[in-house]
Amino acid sequence: MIWVLPMLGFLGTVLGISVSIGGFSGLLANVTDLTKVKAGLTQVTGGLSTAFDTTLLGIVCAVGCMVLMSLAERSEYRLAGDLEASINDSLFPRLAQDETSTAKL
């Protein structure tokens, strides 16, 4: 999942830039009319805004997931260590004690 989020951001970047380029080519075709130039610039900047927003969102989500994954791994390692210590401290001594008591019989 973590590698998918930046890829989705990159996909949004490509989409936004393609919209911007499409708007820019339309802008160049109508250079004589100032109103159409302004509208074309709005479309170009809107596409770039989408591109950068999706990239930022993808990266922020990926970083958030990495932090959550790191916290989960830390908890997992702590739980495994506690379980191992509990087995070593209580279960193994009881097993050794049971073996010595059955050997005496």
N, C-alpha and C. Protein backbone atom coordinates (compact mmCIF):
# COMPACT_ATOMS: atom_id res chain seq x y z
N MET A 1 0.82 -1.20 0.00
CA MET A 1 0.00 0.00 0.00
C MET A 1 0.86 1.26 0.00
N ILE A 2 1.99 1.19 0.70
CA ILE A 2 2.81 2.38 0.83
C ILE A 2 3.38 2.81 -0.52
N TRP A 3 3.75 1.88 -1.36
CA TRP A 3 4.31 2.25 -2.66
C TRP A 3 3.23 2.69 -3.63
N VAL A 4 1.96 2.34 -3.38
CA VAL A 4 0.87 2.72 -4.27
C VAL A 4 0.54 4.20 -4.13
N LEU A 5 0.61 4.74 -2.91
CA LEU A 5 0.21 6.12 -2.68
C LEU A 5 1.06 7.13 -3.47
N PRO A 6 2.39 7.04 -3.44
CA PRO A 6 3.14 7.98 -4.28
C PRO A 6 2.87 7.78 -5.77
N MET A 7 2.59 6.53 -6.17
CA MET A 7 2.28 6.29 -7.59
C MET A 7 0.97 6.98 -7.97
N LEU A 8 -0.01 6.95 -7.07
CA LEU A 8 -1.26 7.67 -7.35
C LEU A 8 -1.00 9.17 -7.43
N GLY A 9 -0.13 9.67 -6.57
CA GLY A 9 0.25 11.08 -6.64
C GLY A 9 0.93 11.40 -7.96
N PHE A 10 1.79 10.50 -8.40
CA PHE A 10 2.48 10.70 -9.68
C PHE A 10 1.48 10.67 -10.84
N LEU A 11 0.51 9.77 -10.76
CA LEU A 11 -0.53 9.70 -11.79
C LEU A 11 -1.30 11.02 -11.86
N GLY A 12 -1.62 11.58 -10.70
CA GLY A 12 -2.28 12.88 -10.67
C GLY A 12 -1.41 13.97 -11.24
N THR A 13 -0.11 13.87 -11.00
CA THR A 13 0.83 14.85 -11.55
C THR A 13 0.82 14.79 -13.07
N VAL A 14 0.91 13.61 -13.61
CA VAL A 14 0.89 13.45 -15.07
C VAL A 14 -0.42 13.95 -15.65
N LEU A 15 -1.52 13.63 -15.00
CA LEU A 15 -2.83 14.09 -15.48
C LEU A 15 -2.91 15.61 -15.43
N GLY A 16 -2.48 16.20 -14.31
CA GLY A 16 -2.54 17.66 -14.17
C GLY A 16 -1.65 18.37 -15.18
N ILE A 17 -0.46 17.84 -15.39
CA ILE A 17 0.44 18.47 -16.37
C ILE A 17 -0.10 18.32 -17.79
N SER A 18 -0.72 17.18 -18.09
CA SER A 18 -1.28 17.01 -19.44
C SER A 18 -2.44 17.98 -19.66
N VAL A 19 -3.24 18.22 -18.62
CA VAL A 19 -4.32 19.21 -18.74
C VAL A 19 -3.72 20.59 -18.96
N SER A 20 -2.65 20.89 -18.24
CA SER A 20 -2.00 22.20 -18.40
C SER A 20 -1.43 22.38 -19.79
N ILE A 21 -0.79 21.36 -20.31
CA ILE A 21 -0.21 21.45 -21.65
C ILE A 21 -1.31 21.60 -22.69
N GLY A 22 -2.40 20.87 -22.50
CA GLY A 22 -3.53 21.01 -23.41
C GLY A 22 -4.10 22.42 -23.38
N GLY A 23 -4.19 22.98 -22.18
CA GLY A 23 -4.68 24.36 -22.07
C GLY A 23 -3.70 25.36 -22.65
N PHE A 24 -2.41 25.09 -22.51
CA PHE A 24 -1.40 25.99 -23.04
C PHE A 24 -1.39 25.98 -24.56
N SER A 25 -1.59 24.82 -25.16
CA SER A 25 -1.62 24.77 -26.63
C SER A 25 -2.85 25.50 -27.16
N GLY A 26 -3.96 25.40 -26.44
CA GLY A 26 -5.15 26.17 -26.84
C GLY A 26 -4.93 27.66 -26.66
N LEU A 27 -4.15 28.01 -25.66
CA LEU A 27 -3.84 29.41 -25.40
C LEU A 27 -3.03 30.00 -26.54
N LEU A 28 -2.06 29.25 -27.01
CA LEU A 28 -1.21 29.75 -28.09
C LEU A 28 -1.97 29.90 -29.40
N ALA A 29 -3.01 29.11 -29.58
CA ALA A 29 -3.79 29.20 -30.82
C ALA A 29 -4.61 30.48 -30.87
N ASN A 30 -4.96 31.05 -29.71
CA ASN A 30 -5.82 32.23 -29.65
C ASN A 30 -5.08 33.42 -29.04
N VAL A 31 -3.90 33.71 -29.49
CA VAL A 31 -3.09 34.78 -28.92
C VAL A 31 -3.68 36.15 -29.19
N THR A 32 -4.48 36.31 -30.19
CA THR A 32 -5.01 37.63 -30.56
C THR A 32 -6.04 38.15 -29.58
N ASP A 33 -6.76 37.29 -28.88
CA ASP A 33 -7.81 37.74 -27.97
C ASP A 33 -7.32 37.63 -26.52
N LEU A 34 -7.25 38.76 -25.82
CA LEU A 34 -6.73 38.80 -24.45
C LEU A 34 -7.63 38.04 -23.48
N THR A 35 -8.91 38.04 -23.69
CA THR A 35 -9.83 37.31 -22.80
C THR A 35 -9.59 35.82 -22.89
N LYS A 36 -9.37 35.33 -24.08
CA LYS A 36 -9.10 33.90 -24.26
C LYS A 36 -7.74 33.53 -23.68
N VAL A 37 -6.79 34.46 -23.73
CA VAL A 37 -5.47 34.21 -23.13
C VAL A 37 -5.60 34.06 -21.62
N LYS A 38 -6.40 34.94 -21.00
CA LYS A 38 -6.61 34.86 -19.55
C LYS A 38 -7.31 33.55 -19.17
N ALA A 39 -8.30 33.17 -19.94
CA ALA A 39 -9.00 31.91 -19.66
C ALA A 39 -8.06 30.72 -19.84
N GLY A 40 -7.23 30.80 -20.86
CA GLY A 40 -6.26 29.73 -21.10
C GLY A 40 -5.25 29.63 -19.97
N LEU A 41 -4.79 30.75 -19.46
CA LEU A 41 -3.85 30.75 -18.34
C LEU A 41 -4.49 30.16 -17.08
N THR A 42 -5.77 30.44 -16.89
CA THR A 42 -6.49 29.87 -15.74
C THR A 42 -6.53 28.35 -15.85
N GLN A 43 -6.77 27.85 -17.05
CA GLN A 43 -6.80 26.41 -17.25
C GLN A 43 -5.41 25.81 -17.04
N VAL A 44 -4.38 26.48 -17.51
CA VAL A 44 -3.01 25.98 -17.34
C VAL A 44 -2.65 25.92 -15.86
N THR A 45 -2.90 26.99 -15.14
CA THR A 45 -2.55 27.01 -13.71
C THR A 45 -3.42 26.05 -12.92
N GLY A 46 -4.65 25.85 -13.34
CA GLY A 46 -5.52 24.88 -12.66
C GLY A 46 -4.98 23.46 -12.81
N GLY A 47 -4.49 23.13 -13.99
CA GLY A 47 -3.91 21.81 -14.22
C GLY A 47 -2.64 21.60 -13.41
N LEU A 48 -1.82 22.63 -13.33
CA LEU A 48 -0.59 22.52 -12.52
C LEU A 48 -0.92 22.41 -11.05
N SER A 49 -1.96 23.11 -10.63
CA SER A 49 -2.39 23.00 -9.23
C SER A 49 -2.83 21.58 -8.91
N THR A 50 -3.57 20.97 -9.81
CA THR A 50 -3.97 19.57 -9.62
C THR A 50 -2.74 18.67 -9.57
N ALA A 51 -1.78 18.93 -10.43
CA ALA A 51 -0.57 18.11 -10.47
C ALA A 51 0.17 18.17 -9.14
N PHE A 52 0.41 19.35 -8.65
CA PHE A 52 1.17 19.48 -7.42
C PHE A 52 0.39 19.03 -6.20
N ASP A 53 -0.92 19.26 -6.20
CA ASP A 53 -1.75 18.83 -5.06
C ASP A 53 -1.78 17.31 -4.95
N THR A 54 -1.92 16.62 -6.07
CA THR A 54 -1.97 15.15 -6.01
C THR A 54 -0.62 14.56 -5.61
N THR A 55 0.45 15.20 -6.07
CA THR A 55 1.78 14.73 -5.66
C THR A 55 1.96 14.90 -4.16
N LEU A 56 1.62 16.06 -3.67
CA LEU A 56 1.73 16.32 -2.23
C LEU A 56 0.87 15.36 -1.42
N LEU A 57 -0.36 15.15 -1.85
CA LEU A 57 -1.25 14.24 -1.14
C LEU A 57 -0.71 12.81 -1.13
N GLY A 58 -0.21 12.36 -2.27
CA GLY A 58 0.36 11.00 -2.33
C GLY A 58 1.55 10.84 -1.40
N ILE A 59 2.43 11.83 -1.37
CA ILE A 59 3.60 11.74 -0.50
C ILE A 59 3.22 11.82 0.97
N VAL A 60 2.31 12.71 1.31
CA VAL A 60 1.88 12.84 2.72
C VAL A 60 1.21 11.55 3.19
N CYS A 61 0.36 10.98 2.37
CA CYS A 61 -0.30 9.72 2.75
C CYS A 61 0.71 8.59 2.89
N ALA A 62 1.69 8.53 2.00
CA ALA A 62 2.72 7.49 2.08
C ALA A 62 3.54 7.64 3.35
N VAL A 63 3.91 8.87 3.69
CA VAL A 63 4.68 9.11 4.92
C VAL A 63 3.85 8.73 6.15
N GLY A 64 2.58 9.09 6.13
CA GLY A 64 1.70 8.71 7.24
C GLY A 64 1.59 7.21 7.40
N CYS A 65 1.46 6.51 6.29
CA CYS A 65 1.39 5.04 6.36
C CYS A 65 2.71 4.45 6.83
N MET A 66 3.83 5.05 6.43
CA MET A 66 5.13 4.55 6.88
C MET A 66 5.29 4.73 8.39
N VAL A 67 4.81 5.86 8.92
CA VAL A 67 4.88 6.09 10.37
C VAL A 67 4.02 5.06 11.09
N LEU A 68 2.82 4.83 10.60
CA LEU A 68 1.94 3.84 11.23
C LEU A 68 2.54 2.44 11.15
N MET A 69 3.15 2.11 10.01
CA MET A 69 3.78 0.80 9.86
C MET A 69 4.96 0.66 10.82
N SER A 70 5.72 1.72 10.98
CA SER A 70 6.86 1.69 11.90
C SER A 70 6.38 1.48 13.34
N LEU A 71 5.32 2.16 13.72
CA LEU A 71 4.76 1.99 15.07
C LEU A 71 4.24 0.56 15.27
N ALA A 72 3.58 0.02 14.25
CA ALA A 72 3.06 -1.34 14.35
C ALA A 72 4.20 -2.35 14.45
N GLU A 73 5.27 -2.15 13.68
CA GLU A 73 6.42 -3.07 13.76
C GLU A 73 7.08 -2.99 15.12
N ARG A 74 7.20 -1.78 15.67
CA ARG A 74 7.80 -1.63 16.98
C ARG A 74 6.97 -2.37 18.04
N SER A 75 5.66 -2.23 17.95
CA SER A 75 4.79 -2.95 18.89
C SER A 75 4.90 -4.45 18.71
N GLU A 76 5.01 -4.89 17.47
CA GLU A 76 5.14 -6.32 17.19
C GLU A 76 6.44 -6.87 17.79
N TYR A 77 7.54 -6.14 17.59
CA TYR A 77 8.82 -6.59 18.15
C TYR A 77 8.80 -6.59 19.67
N ARG A 78 8.17 -5.57 20.25
CA ARG A 78 8.07 -5.50 21.71
C ARG A 78 7.24 -6.68 22.24
N LEU A 79 6.13 -6.99 21.58
CA LEU A 79 5.29 -8.10 21.99
C LEU A 79 6.03 -9.42 21.86
N ALA A 80 6.76 -9.60 20.76
CA ALA A 80 7.53 -10.83 20.56
C ALA A 80 8.62 -10.96 21.63
N GLY A 81 9.27 -9.86 21.98
CA GLY A 81 10.29 -9.89 23.03
C GLY A 81 9.70 -10.22 24.38
N ASP A 82 8.54 -9.63 24.69
CA ASP A 82 7.88 -9.93 25.96
C ASP A 82 7.43 -11.38 26.03
N LEU A 83 6.93 -11.90 24.91
CA LEU A 83 6.50 -13.29 24.86
C LEU A 83 7.69 -14.23 25.05
N GLU A 84 8.80 -13.93 24.39
CA GLU A 84 9.99 -14.75 24.53
C GLU A 84 10.51 -14.72 25.96
N ALA A 85 10.52 -13.54 26.56
CA ALA A 85 10.98 -13.43 27.96
C ALA A 85 10.06 -14.21 28.89
N SER A 86 8.77 -14.13 28.65
CA SER A 86 7.82 -14.85 29.49
C SER A 86 8.01 -16.36 29.36
N ILE A 87 8.23 -16.84 28.15
CA ILE A 87 8.46 -18.27 27.93
C ILE A 87 9.76 -18.71 28.61
N ASN A 88 10.81 -17.91 28.45
CA ASN A 88 12.09 -18.25 29.05
C ASN A 88 12.04 -18.22 30.58
N ASP A 89 11.28 -17.28 31.14
CA ASP A 89 11.25 -17.11 32.59
C ASP A 89 10.28 -18.06 33.30
N SER A 90 9.17 -18.38 32.66
CA SER A 90 8.19 -19.19 33.38
C SER A 90 7.96 -20.59 32.80
N LEU A 91 7.94 -20.73 31.51
CA LEU A 91 7.62 -22.03 30.92
C LEU A 91 8.82 -22.99 30.95
N PHE A 92 9.97 -22.53 30.52
CA PHE A 92 11.14 -23.42 30.49
C PHE A 92 11.54 -23.92 31.87
N PRO A 93 11.55 -23.07 32.91
CA PRO A 93 11.87 -23.61 34.24
C PRO A 93 10.86 -24.67 34.71
N ARG A 94 9.59 -24.47 34.37
CA ARG A 94 8.58 -25.48 34.76
C ARG A 94 8.80 -26.78 34.01
N LEU A 95 9.17 -26.70 32.74
CA LEU A 95 9.44 -27.92 31.97
C LEU A 95 10.66 -28.64 32.52
N ALA A 96 11.68 -27.89 32.88
CA ALA A 96 12.88 -28.51 33.47
C ALA A 96 12.55 -29.14 34.81
N GLN A 97 11.70 -28.51 35.58
CA GLN A 97 11.30 -29.04 36.88
C GLN A 97 10.49 -30.32 36.71
N ASP A 98 9.61 -30.34 35.72
CA ASP A 98 8.82 -31.54 35.46
C ASP A 98 9.70 -32.70 35.00
N GLU A 99 10.74 -32.43 34.24
CA GLU A 99 11.63 -33.49 33.78
C GLU A 99 12.42 -34.09 34.94
N THR A 100 12.84 -33.26 35.89
CA THR A 100 13.60 -33.79 37.03
C THR A 100 12.68 -34.58 37.98
N SER A 101 11.44 -34.16 38.10
CA SER A 101 10.52 -34.89 38.98
C SER A 101 10.11 -36.22 38.36
N THR A 102 9.95 -36.31 37.06
CA THR A 102 9.61 -37.59 36.42
C THR A 102 10.83 -38.50 36.36
N ALA A 103 12.03 -37.94 36.33
CA ALA A 103 13.24 -38.77 36.33
C ALA A 103 13.45 -39.44 37.68
N LYS A 104 13.00 -38.82 38.77
CA LYS A 104 13.15 -39.39 40.10
C LYS A 104 12.20 -40.56 40.32
N LEU A 105 11.10 -40.58 39.59
CA LEU A 105 10.14 -41.65 39.77
C LEU A 105 10.67 -42.91 39.16
